[in-house]
Amino acid sequence: MDRRSFLSGATALGASTLLPSSGAHAAVNFAGQTVTILVPFGVGGGNDLWARFLANFIGKYLPGNPVVVVKNSPGGGSVSGANLFANTAKPDGLTLLVSSGSTQFPYLLGEKRVRYDYKKLNFVLAGPTGGVAYISSKLGVDGLKSLNKLKGQKLYFPSQGVSSLDMVPLLGFRLLGLDVNHVTGFPGRAEGRLGFERGEFNIDYQTTTAYVRSSLPLVQRGEAVPLFAWGLVDKNGKLIRDPNFPDLPHIEEAYEIVHGKKPSGIEWDAFMAFLISGFPAQKLLLLPNGTSPEIIEAYRESCRRMQKDPEFMEKRDAMIGEYEQVTDAEGEELFRQATNISPEASNWVREFLSKNYAVAFE
């Protein structure tokens, strides 16, 4: 399979199974209007770039060809902007929200500052990403089957924060039985990788593009050993191998290799909620509560047509990453899994972070 391709079962190009298409699409007309995509992050980050790239094409395929602009509203780790959207956006199709793992995690954790409810928002599009975890070859481990050599050995991981997107490796490494010290305060994964290269850390992960560009050369030089990829989700909501790394097991397979059994229990359930929210459904494009099915379908249709646009296909990998964007029924399933967690699993994570890392939830 081509490294750039996404899973065939979760293609964004299939017809919607949830909403009518032709008649509903024709009933909506945004001619002369301006559509605003609210990005609750600052200018220049990954979410901002994603929104601006999409904006170039969505308006092209919406009925009436409206102008589509991006408005940044950073603050509170994206919670402030999402609250603003939930409280003020009208269901007229003229305002959308970009949500990211940084927006979804506080919701999953039940933080009181969150004023948005994903159950009341309407899904349009999901932007997946992937990642690969690897360790230093100096540890003498050549893969998952030899992780027992690390028993009693301390590992060091460069983290952006235990309640950030790096909560996924925090919980994932723990599930594999690894004793990892998460050194927090890094502004980004690139800085952490440089620390790994200098020998300051001996375990790391990078998202797909960064791994291929900067970490794979370490593997090729024999300085790092890949362990697993986080994985993607198929149309049935099950973890599958990342097609960019077909030879690497996904995290569920990694657990089975290490422990000899399938994962289960409250800790695994909690991990899976944050894994899907942080990677297969890392970025979401949403319409407000009360939006009509006709408007929702108009946006989904524009996303289907956008992904067939030659310019979009030519520039996608360089601009927003190497995965197809997902809409329709497959996207709905991703959205559901990324924004739902059982109270028991949420409480487990809150207690774990509070007890072990002094994280205070307000």
Protein backbone atom coordinates (compact mmCIF):
# COMPACT_ATOMS: atom_id res chain seq x y z
CA MET A 1 0.00 0.00 0.00
CA ASP A 2 1.19 3.50 -0.82
CA ARG A 3 2.63 5.19 2.27
CA ARG A 4 0.39 8.18 1.64
CA SER A 5 -2.85 6.27 1.47
CA PHE A 6 -5.41 5.99 4.22
CA LEU A 7 -7.38 2.92 5.15
CA SER A 8 -9.69 1.81 2.39
CA GLY A 9 -12.52 1.15 4.80
CA ALA A 10 -12.53 4.70 6.10
CA THR A 11 -12.30 6.69 2.91
CA ALA A 12 -13.76 10.16 2.99
CA LEU A 13 -14.99 9.91 -0.56
CA GLY A 14 -17.90 7.52 -0.15
CA ALA A 15 -21.49 8.67 -0.31
CA SER A 16 -23.12 9.63 2.99
CA THR A 17 -25.17 6.95 4.67
CA LEU A 18 -26.71 9.41 7.10
CA LEU A 19 -28.01 12.35 5.11
CA PRO A 20 -29.58 12.92 1.69
CA SER A 21 -27.28 14.44 -0.88
CA SER A 22 -28.55 15.88 -4.15
CA GLY A 23 -31.84 17.50 -3.17
CA ALA A 24 -30.64 18.74 0.20
CA HIS A 25 -27.47 20.11 -1.32
CA ALA A 26 -29.42 22.06 -3.93
CA ALA A 27 -31.73 23.59 -1.30
CA VAL A 28 -28.80 25.39 0.42
CA ASN A 29 -27.26 28.51 -1.08
CA PHE A 30 -24.50 30.60 0.50
CA ALA A 31 -24.15 33.06 -2.38
CA GLY A 32 -22.86 36.44 -1.20
CA GLN A 33 -22.20 35.12 2.31
CA THR A 34 -19.02 34.85 4.37
CA VAL A 35 -18.33 31.61 6.24
CA THR A 36 -16.09 31.81 9.31
CA ILE A 37 -14.03 28.88 10.58
CA LEU A 38 -13.28 29.56 14.25
CA VAL A 39 -9.88 28.21 15.27
CA PRO A 40 -9.41 28.29 19.07
CA PHE A 41 -5.63 28.35 18.65
CA GLY A 42 -3.05 30.92 17.63
CA VAL A 43 -1.91 31.63 14.09
CA GLY A 44 0.65 29.30 12.53
CA GLY A 45 0.06 26.07 14.46
CA GLY A 46 -1.10 22.78 13.02
CA ASN A 47 -4.79 23.44 13.62
CA ASP A 48 -4.57 26.89 12.07
CA LEU A 49 -2.77 25.54 9.01
CA TRP A 50 -5.34 22.76 8.67
CA ALA A 51 -8.23 25.23 8.77
CA ARG A 52 -6.62 27.64 6.31
CA PHE A 53 -5.82 24.88 3.84
CA LEU A 54 -9.39 23.55 3.99
CA ALA A 55 -10.82 27.06 3.68
CA ASN A 56 -9.21 27.40 0.26
CA PHE A 57 -11.36 24.55 -1.06
CA ILE A 58 -14.54 24.26 1.02
CA GLY A 59 -16.01 27.52 -0.28
CA LYS A 60 -15.23 26.42 -3.82
CA TYR A 61 -17.63 23.52 -3.49
CA LEU A 62 -20.31 24.94 -1.20
CA PRO A 63 -23.52 26.04 -2.97
CA GLY A 64 -23.15 29.70 -3.91
CA ASN A 65 -19.35 29.66 -3.47
CA PRO A 66 -19.15 31.81 -0.32
CA VAL A 67 -15.98 33.44 0.94
CA VAL A 68 -14.47 31.29 3.72
CA VAL A 69 -12.27 32.99 6.31
CA VAL A 70 -10.41 31.77 9.37
CA LYS A 71 -10.75 33.56 12.70
CA ASN A 72 -8.31 32.71 15.50
CA SER A 73 -9.54 32.84 19.08
CA PRO A 74 -6.78 31.34 21.26
CA GLY A 75 -6.86 30.99 25.02
CA GLY A 76 -7.27 28.38 27.71
CA GLY A 77 -5.66 25.67 25.63
CA SER A 78 -8.44 26.10 23.03
CA VAL A 79 -11.25 25.77 25.61
CA SER A 80 -12.06 29.50 25.58
CA GLY A 81 -12.65 29.61 21.82
CA ALA A 82 -14.72 26.42 21.88
CA ASN A 83 -16.84 27.88 24.68
CA LEU A 84 -17.34 31.01 22.60
CA PHE A 85 -18.48 28.94 19.65
CA ALA A 86 -20.93 26.88 21.71
CA ASN A 87 -22.44 30.01 23.24
CA THR A 88 -22.67 32.28 20.20
CA ALA A 89 -22.56 30.39 16.89
CA LYS A 90 -25.84 30.43 14.99
CA PRO A 91 -27.07 27.29 13.18
CA ASP A 92 -27.10 29.03 9.80
CA GLY A 93 -24.04 27.32 8.35
CA LEU A 94 -21.93 30.46 8.50
CA THR A 95 -19.73 29.49 11.47
CA LEU A 96 -17.73 26.30 12.04
CA LEU A 97 -15.37 25.20 14.80
CA VAL A 98 -12.01 23.48 14.53
CA SER A 99 -11.63 21.12 17.47
CA SER A 100 -8.42 19.28 18.32
CA GLY A 101 -7.24 16.74 20.85
CA SER A 102 -6.33 19.71 23.04
CA THR A 103 -10.00 20.72 22.97
CA GLN A 104 -11.37 17.20 23.35
CA PHE A 105 -9.18 16.08 26.27
CA PRO A 106 -10.59 18.63 28.78
CA TYR A 107 -14.10 17.55 27.73
CA LEU A 108 -13.27 13.88 28.25
CA LEU A 109 -11.79 14.72 31.65
CA GLY A 110 -14.95 16.57 32.69
CA GLU A 111 -13.19 19.84 33.43
CA LYS A 112 -15.58 22.46 34.81
CA ARG A 113 -14.25 25.20 32.53
CA VAL A 114 -15.67 23.35 29.50
CA ARG A 115 -18.96 24.85 28.29
CA TYR A 116 -19.28 22.94 25.02
CA ASP A 117 -21.00 19.59 24.59
CA TYR A 118 -19.95 17.49 21.61
CA LYS A 119 -23.26 15.63 21.73
CA LYS A 120 -24.91 18.89 20.63
CA LEU A 121 -22.43 19.68 17.85
CA ASN A 122 -22.62 18.39 14.28
CA PHE A 123 -19.78 16.54 12.64
CA VAL A 124 -18.46 17.52 9.21
CA LEU A 125 -14.89 16.27 8.83
CA ALA A 126 -12.08 14.57 10.75
CA GLY A 127 -8.37 14.99 10.13
CA PRO A 128 -6.40 11.94 11.35
CA THR A 129 -2.74 11.64 12.15
CA GLY A 130 -0.51 8.80 13.28
CA GLY A 131 2.72 8.30 15.14
CA VAL A 132 5.49 5.84 15.98
CA ALA A 133 7.13 5.09 19.33
CA TYR A 134 10.78 4.13 19.41
CA ILE A 135 13.62 3.59 21.88
CA SER A 136 17.37 4.00 21.91
CA SER A 137 19.30 1.09 20.43
CA LYS A 138 21.74 1.45 23.34
CA LEU A 139 19.16 -0.30 25.54
CA GLY A 140 19.84 -3.58 23.76
CA VAL A 141 16.22 -4.16 22.76
CA ASP A 142 15.48 -5.09 19.16
CA GLY A 143 11.69 -4.99 19.37
CA LEU A 144 8.62 -5.63 21.47
CA LYS A 145 9.44 -9.29 22.13
CA SER A 146 12.59 -8.32 23.99
CA LEU A 147 11.10 -5.58 26.16
CA ASN A 148 11.61 -7.86 29.17
CA LYS A 149 15.25 -6.78 29.02
CA LEU A 150 14.09 -3.39 30.28
CA LYS A 151 12.67 -4.76 33.54
CA GLY A 152 13.91 -2.59 36.38
CA GLN A 153 15.40 -0.03 34.00
CA LYS A 154 14.29 3.58 34.03
CA LEU A 155 13.33 5.19 30.73
CA TYR A 156 13.16 8.92 30.08
CA PHE A 157 10.61 10.56 27.78
CA PRO A 158 10.45 14.27 26.78
CA SER A 159 6.85 15.37 27.41
CA GLN A 160 4.84 18.49 26.65
CA GLY A 161 2.72 17.80 29.74
CA VAL A 162 0.95 14.83 31.28
CA SER A 163 -2.54 16.19 30.56
CA SER A 164 -1.64 17.33 27.02
CA LEU A 165 -1.64 15.12 23.93
CA ASP A 166 1.35 13.41 25.54
CA MET A 167 -1.14 11.76 27.89
CA VAL A 168 -1.43 9.11 25.17
CA PRO A 169 2.21 7.91 25.47
CA LEU A 170 1.97 8.33 29.24
CA LEU A 171 -0.87 5.82 29.44
CA GLY A 172 0.36 3.68 26.54
CA PHE A 173 3.85 3.10 27.92
CA ARG A 174 2.34 2.26 31.31
CA LEU A 175 0.06 -0.35 29.72
CA LEU A 176 3.12 -2.00 28.19
CA GLY A 177 4.73 -2.23 31.62
CA LEU A 178 7.49 0.27 30.90
CA ASP A 179 8.94 2.34 33.74
CA VAL A 180 9.06 5.76 32.11
CA ASN A 181 9.93 9.08 33.70
CA HIS A 182 8.02 11.78 31.79
CA VAL A 183 10.11 14.95 31.86
CA THR A 184 7.62 17.75 31.21
CA GLY A 185 7.95 21.27 29.89
CA PHE A 186 8.93 20.69 26.27
CA PRO A 187 7.25 23.13 23.87
CA GLY A 188 6.92 20.53 21.11
CA ARG A 189 7.81 17.07 19.91
CA ALA A 190 10.68 18.40 17.78
CA GLU A 191 12.53 19.64 20.86
CA GLY A 192 12.03 16.26 22.48
CA ARG A 193 13.43 14.45 19.47
CA LEU A 194 16.55 16.60 19.58
CA GLY A 195 16.96 15.60 23.22
CA PHE A 196 16.67 11.96 22.18
CA GLU A 197 19.34 12.47 19.53
CA ARG A 198 21.65 14.03 22.15
CA GLY A 199 21.18 11.00 24.40
CA GLU A 200 19.24 12.89 27.06
CA PHE A 201 16.19 10.65 26.56
CA ASN A 202 15.92 7.01 25.56
CA ILE A 203 12.27 6.67 24.52
CA ASP A 204 10.25 8.95 22.25
CA TYR A 205 7.46 9.10 19.71
CA GLN A 206 6.85 11.37 16.74
CA THR A 207 3.82 11.96 14.55
CA THR A 208 3.94 10.42 11.09
CA THR A 209 5.42 13.29 9.10
CA ALA A 210 8.04 14.11 11.74
CA TYR A 211 8.93 10.45 12.21
CA VAL A 212 9.47 9.86 8.49
CA ARG A 213 11.42 13.08 8.07
CA SER A 214 13.55 13.13 11.23
CA SER A 215 13.32 9.90 13.26
CA LEU A 216 13.43 7.24 10.56
CA PRO A 217 17.00 8.30 9.68
CA LEU A 218 17.92 7.46 13.30
CA VAL A 219 16.48 3.99 12.79
CA GLN A 220 18.34 3.59 9.52
CA ARG A 221 21.61 4.56 11.23
CA GLY A 222 21.01 2.02 13.97
CA GLU A 223 20.52 4.64 16.69
CA ALA A 224 16.83 3.93 17.36
CA VAL A 225 14.52 0.92 17.34
CA PRO A 226 10.84 1.36 16.38
CA LEU A 227 8.40 -0.40 18.72
CA PHE A 228 4.88 0.25 17.44
CA ALA A 229 2.61 2.74 15.71
CA TRP A 230 -0.45 4.14 17.45
CA GLY A 231 -2.70 2.81 14.69
CA LEU A 232 -5.82 4.03 12.94
CA VAL A 233 -9.50 3.11 13.17
CA ASP A 234 -11.49 1.26 10.51
CA LYS A 235 -15.13 1.82 9.57
CA ASN A 236 -16.22 -0.47 12.41
CA GLY A 237 -14.32 1.50 15.02
CA LYS A 238 -11.56 -1.10 15.44
CA LEU A 239 -7.84 -0.36 15.61
CA ILE A 240 -5.93 -1.29 12.47
CA ARG A 241 -2.34 -0.86 11.36
CA ASP A 242 -1.31 2.50 10.04
CA PRO A 243 -0.89 2.03 6.27
CA ASN A 244 2.09 4.37 6.42
CA PHE A 245 3.78 1.76 8.66
CA PRO A 246 2.31 -1.61 7.63
CA ASP A 247 5.17 -3.59 9.16
CA LEU A 248 4.73 -2.07 12.63
CA PRO A 249 2.12 -3.42 15.06
CA HIS A 250 -0.43 -0.95 16.39
CA ILE A 251 -0.64 -0.38 20.13
CA GLU A 252 -3.25 -3.10 20.74
CA GLU A 253 -1.09 -5.64 18.92
CA ALA A 254 1.90 -4.38 20.91
CA TYR A 255 0.04 -5.07 24.15
CA GLU A 256 -0.76 -8.63 23.01
CA ILE A 257 2.87 -9.25 22.03
CA VAL A 258 4.13 -8.07 25.42
CA HIS A 259 1.47 -9.59 27.68
CA GLY A 260 0.25 -12.56 25.66
CA LYS A 261 -3.41 -11.55 25.88
CA LYS A 262 -5.82 -8.96 24.58
CA PRO A 263 -6.12 -5.74 26.60
CA SER A 264 -9.22 -5.08 28.66
CA GLY A 265 -10.34 -3.21 31.74
CA ILE A 266 -10.86 0.36 32.84
CA GLU A 267 -7.29 1.50 32.15
CA TRP A 268 -7.42 0.25 28.57
CA ASP A 269 -10.84 1.82 28.03
CA ALA A 270 -9.53 5.16 29.29
CA PHE A 271 -6.44 4.93 27.10
CA MET A 272 -8.47 4.16 23.98
CA ALA A 273 -10.70 7.21 24.45
CA PHE A 274 -7.69 9.53 24.55
CA LEU A 275 -5.81 7.64 21.82
CA ILE A 276 -8.63 8.07 19.30
CA SER A 277 -9.24 11.66 20.33
CA GLY A 278 -5.54 12.46 20.01
CA PHE A 279 -4.68 10.66 16.77
CA PRO A 280 -7.29 9.06 14.44
CA ALA A 281 -9.67 11.95 15.19
CA GLN A 282 -7.16 14.59 16.21
CA LYS A 283 -8.78 17.43 14.25
CA LEU A 284 -12.51 17.90 13.80
CA LEU A 285 -14.56 20.36 11.77
CA LEU A 286 -17.94 20.97 13.44
CA LEU A 287 -21.19 22.89 12.95
CA PRO A 288 -23.21 24.27 15.88
CA ASN A 289 -26.19 22.82 17.65
CA GLY A 290 -29.42 23.08 15.66
CA THR A 291 -27.85 23.09 12.19
CA SER A 292 -30.21 21.60 9.63
CA PRO A 293 -29.48 18.27 7.91
CA GLU A 294 -29.46 20.12 4.57
CA ILE A 295 -26.62 22.42 5.66
CA ILE A 296 -24.65 19.54 7.21
CA GLU A 297 -24.94 17.58 3.99
CA ALA A 298 -23.89 20.59 1.92
CA TYR A 299 -20.66 20.78 3.92
CA ARG A 300 -20.01 17.05 3.69
CA GLU A 301 -20.59 17.14 -0.03
CA SER A 302 -18.12 20.02 -0.34
CA CYS A 303 -15.57 17.92 1.57
CA ARG A 304 -16.10 14.94 -0.72
CA ARG A 305 -15.62 17.09 -3.82
CA MET A 306 -12.68 18.93 -2.22
CA GLN A 307 -10.75 15.70 -1.86
CA LYS A 308 -11.07 14.98 -5.57
CA ASP A 309 -9.75 18.41 -6.47
CA PRO A 310 -6.37 18.01 -8.26
CA GLU A 311 -4.84 20.97 -6.43
CA PHE A 312 -5.98 19.59 -3.07
CA MET A 313 -4.53 16.17 -3.84
CA GLU A 314 -1.26 17.69 -5.01
CA LYS A 315 -0.74 19.86 -1.94
CA ARG A 316 -2.39 17.84 0.82
CA ASP A 317 0.57 15.83 2.09
CA ALA A 318 2.88 18.81 2.36
CA MET A 319 0.25 21.08 3.92
CA ILE A 320 -1.78 18.95 6.33
CA GLY A 321 -0.26 15.48 6.44
CA GLU A 322 -0.40 12.17 4.68
CA TYR A 323 -3.88 10.93 5.62
CA GLU A 324 -7.17 11.34 3.82
CA GLN A 325 -9.71 13.43 5.67
CA VAL A 326 -12.73 11.44 6.83
CA THR A 327 -16.41 12.34 6.62
CA ASP A 328 -19.80 10.59 6.43
CA ALA A 329 -20.50 7.41 8.43
CA GLU A 330 -16.84 6.56 9.01
CA GLY A 331 -16.18 10.07 10.27
CA GLU A 332 -19.27 9.94 12.47
CA GLU A 333 -17.88 6.84 14.17
CA LEU A 334 -14.53 8.52 14.73
CA PHE A 335 -16.29 11.57 16.14
CA ARG A 336 -18.34 9.41 18.49
CA GLN A 337 -15.32 7.54 19.84
CA ALA A 338 -13.20 10.68 20.14
CA THR A 339 -15.76 12.54 22.25
CA ASN A 340 -17.16 9.80 24.48
CA ILE A 341 -15.76 8.18 27.60
CA SER A 342 -17.43 6.31 30.42
CA PRO A 343 -17.63 8.14 33.77
CA GLU A 344 -15.60 5.32 35.30
CA ALA A 345 -12.78 5.68 32.76
CA SER A 346 -12.75 9.47 33.05
CA ASN A 347 -12.59 9.26 36.84
CA TRP A 348 -9.77 6.72 36.62
CA VAL A 349 -7.65 9.10 34.54
CA ARG A 350 -8.43 12.06 36.78
CA GLU A 351 -7.43 10.14 39.90
CA PHE A 352 -4.32 8.75 38.22
CA LEU A 353 -3.10 12.18 37.12
CA SER A 354 -3.98 13.79 40.46
CA LYS A 355 -2.26 11.13 42.54
CA ASN A 356 0.85 10.62 40.45
CA TYR A 357 1.40 14.02 38.82
CA ALA A 358 -0.41 16.48 41.09
CA VAL A 359 -2.71 17.61 38.29
CA ALA A 360 -5.50 19.77 39.69
CA PHE A 361 -8.89 19.70 38.00
CA GLU A 362 -11.09 22.74 38.41
